[in-house]
Amino acid sequence: KKYDGEYLVRNGEYQVVEGDDNFPRLVIIKFPTYERALEWYHSDEYKPVKDIRLQNSEGSNIIIKGI
């Protein structure tokens, strides 16, 4: 809430119709700006969650500007 993020996708049913399935779990969060997303990712509030995620899973976290 503090960083104005909004979940758009938290997995769900999907079908890969071309290419490889490199992302078995998808989470898409929309932020009002690219800078706000980076602020959230590097925040003290997200750090404990990020540490748990990094210690217990493999994956990618991509922040994209302009979408």
Protein backbone atom coordinates (compact mmCIF):
# COMPACT_ATOMS: atom_id res chain seq x y z
CA LYS A 1 0.00 0.00 0.00
CA LYS A 2 2.69 2.47 0.98
CA TYR A 3 4.28 2.30 -2.50
CA ASP A 4 0.96 2.30 -4.38
CA GLY A 5 1.48 -1.17 -5.84
CA GLU A 6 -1.48 -3.10 -7.20
CA TYR A 7 -1.49 -6.82 -7.94
CA LEU A 8 -2.58 -7.46 -11.52
CA VAL A 9 -1.68 -11.17 -11.61
CA ARG A 10 -0.85 -13.69 -8.91
CA ASN A 11 -0.53 -16.76 -11.07
CA GLY A 12 -3.67 -18.54 -12.14
CA GLU A 13 -4.37 -20.76 -15.11
CA TYR A 14 -2.25 -20.10 -18.17
CA GLN A 15 -0.99 -21.85 -21.28
CA VAL A 16 2.37 -21.39 -22.97
CA VAL A 17 1.56 -21.29 -26.68
CA GLU A 18 5.07 -20.49 -27.95
CA GLY A 19 8.53 -21.03 -26.47
CA ASP A 20 9.58 -22.48 -23.14
CA ASP A 21 7.79 -22.26 -19.82
CA ASN A 22 10.49 -20.50 -17.82
CA PHE A 23 8.06 -18.92 -15.38
CA PRO A 24 5.98 -21.54 -13.52
CA ARG A 25 4.68 -18.83 -11.13
CA LEU A 26 3.84 -15.33 -12.29
CA VAL A 27 3.19 -12.28 -10.18
CA ILE A 28 2.67 -8.89 -11.83
CA ILE A 29 2.47 -5.77 -9.69
CA LYS A 30 1.64 -2.39 -11.21
CA PHE A 31 3.17 0.76 -9.72
CA PRO A 32 2.34 4.34 -10.72
CA THR A 33 5.95 4.94 -11.83
CA TYR A 34 9.16 3.04 -12.50
CA GLU A 35 10.85 4.98 -9.72
CA ARG A 36 8.12 4.00 -7.25
CA ALA A 37 8.64 0.32 -8.09
CA LEU A 38 12.38 0.63 -7.46
CA GLU A 39 11.67 2.46 -4.21
CA TRP A 40 9.46 -0.45 -3.10
CA TYR A 41 12.02 -3.10 -4.12
CA HIS A 42 14.82 -1.43 -2.17
CA SER A 43 12.64 -0.48 0.83
CA ASP A 44 13.16 -1.54 4.42
CA GLU A 45 9.58 -2.85 4.42
CA TYR A 46 10.18 -5.30 1.56
CA LYS A 47 13.66 -6.42 2.71
CA PRO A 48 12.51 -9.17 5.15
CA VAL A 49 10.12 -10.61 2.55
CA LYS A 50 12.77 -10.37 -0.17
CA ASP A 51 15.30 -12.17 2.04
CA ILE A 52 12.86 -15.04 2.70
CA ARG A 53 12.02 -15.29 -1.01
CA LEU A 54 15.67 -15.33 -2.08
CA GLN A 55 16.59 -17.99 0.49
CA ASN A 56 13.72 -20.30 -0.42
CA SER A 57 13.11 -19.99 -4.13
CA GLU A 58 14.69 -19.43 -7.50
CA GLY A 59 13.31 -16.90 -9.91
CA SER A 60 13.53 -13.56 -11.60
CA ASN A 61 12.30 -10.19 -10.48
CA ILE A 62 12.05 -7.74 -13.35
CA ILE A 63 11.06 -4.08 -13.09
CA ILE A 64 10.07 -2.66 -16.47
CA LYS A 65 9.76 1.02 -17.26
CA GLY A 66 6.92 2.23 -19.41
CA ILE A 67 4.36 -0.54 -19.20
